[in-house]
Protein backbone atom coordinates (compact mmCIF):
# COMPACT_ATOMS: atom_id res chain seq x y z
CA MET A 1 5.86 2.78 6.61
CA THR A 2 2.87 3.83 8.62
CA TRP A 3 -0.52 2.26 8.13
CA VAL A 4 -4.15 2.95 8.80
CA ASP A 5 -7.27 0.80 8.51
CA LYS A 6 -9.97 2.94 6.87
CA GLY A 7 -12.71 0.39 7.50
CA ASP A 8 -14.91 -1.70 5.23
CA LYS A 9 -17.46 0.90 4.08
CA ASN A 10 -16.46 0.60 0.41
CA GLU A 11 -17.59 -1.17 -2.74
CA PHE A 12 -15.61 -4.33 -1.86
CA ALA A 13 -16.91 -4.64 1.73
CA GLN A 14 -13.31 -5.40 2.73
CA ALA A 15 -11.10 -3.39 5.09
CA GLU A 16 -9.12 -0.72 3.20
CA VAL A 17 -5.58 -0.74 4.58
CA VAL A 18 -3.43 2.22 3.50
CA LEU A 19 0.36 2.12 3.89
CA GLU A 20 2.27 5.40 3.61
CA PHE A 21 6.01 5.76 3.12
CA VAL A 22 7.58 7.64 6.05
CA ARG A 23 10.41 9.00 3.89
CA SER A 24 7.99 9.95 1.10
CA PRO A 25 4.92 11.43 2.81
CA GLY A 26 1.87 11.40 0.59
CA TYR A 27 2.97 8.29 -1.34
CA GLN A 28 0.63 5.47 -0.43
CA VAL A 29 -0.12 1.84 -1.16
CA GLY A 30 -3.55 0.46 -0.38
CA ILE A 31 -5.11 -2.95 -0.28
CA TYR A 32 -8.68 -4.02 0.36
CA SER A 33 -8.36 -7.09 2.56
CA ASN A 34 -9.94 -8.18 5.82
CA ASP A 35 -7.03 -10.59 6.31
CA VAL A 36 -4.48 -7.76 6.29
CA SER A 37 -6.58 -5.51 8.52
CA GLY A 38 -5.45 -5.56 12.15
CA CYS A 39 -2.27 -7.20 11.70
CA PHE A 40 4.34 -0.77 -2.77
CA ARG A 41 6.17 1.85 -10.47
CA GLY A 42 6.15 -1.45 -8.92
CA PHE A 43 5.56 -3.50 -5.90
CA ARG A 44 4.11 -6.82 -4.97
CA GLU A 45 3.06 -7.53 -1.45
CA VAL A 46 4.67 -10.79 -0.44
CA ARG A 47 4.77 -10.26 3.30
CA ILE A 48 3.03 -7.82 5.61
CA GLY A 49 4.06 -8.27 9.21
CA GLU A 50 3.82 -12.00 9.82
CA LEU A 51 1.33 -12.60 6.99
CA THR A 52 2.69 -14.32 3.88
CA SER A 53 -0.67 -15.00 2.23
CA TRP A 54 -4.13 -13.44 2.37
CA THR A 55 -7.31 -12.95 0.38
CA SER A 56 -7.76 -9.52 -1.16
CA ALA A 57 -10.56 -7.92 -3.17
CA TRP A 58 -8.33 -5.22 -4.75
CA GLY A 59 -5.20 -3.12 -4.20
CA TYR A 60 -3.82 0.22 -5.40
CA SER A 61 -1.03 2.78 -5.06
CA ARG A 62 -1.28 6.56 -5.28
CA SER A 63 0.57 9.76 -4.55
CA LEU A 64 -0.99 12.84 -3.01
CA GLY A 65 0.02 16.32 -4.12
CA ASP A 66 3.71 16.73 -4.85
CA ALA A 67 4.74 13.55 -3.03
CA THR A 68 8.26 12.34 -3.81
CA SER A 69 8.37 8.78 -5.10
CA PRO A 70 10.03 6.31 -2.72
CA TRP A 71 11.55 4.69 -5.83
CA SER A 72 13.34 7.79 -7.13
CA PRO A 73 15.79 8.48 -8.37
CA ASP A 74 15.41 5.62 -10.80
CA PRO A 75 18.15 3.00 -10.52
CA TRP A 76 20.74 2.89 -13.33
CA TRP A 77 19.11 -0.13 -14.98
CA CYS A 78 15.75 1.65 -15.35
CA PRO A 79 15.70 3.78 -18.53
């Protein structure tokens, strides 16, 4: 993944950190968190770098354009 800190000029006044999948360009995961700044269907952030806990105002995921999902093809157990 690559990441960028888009700053804190948003409704949460927290740093917006956007992670983008290298193998699936355009597929992103974002989190609004000053703790994460400077230091994913489904995901749950449990560790980012050395951080294992942090405060966060909000988080999101999105895909841009025709981005290929990093979770496809679906595994056999996912109908």
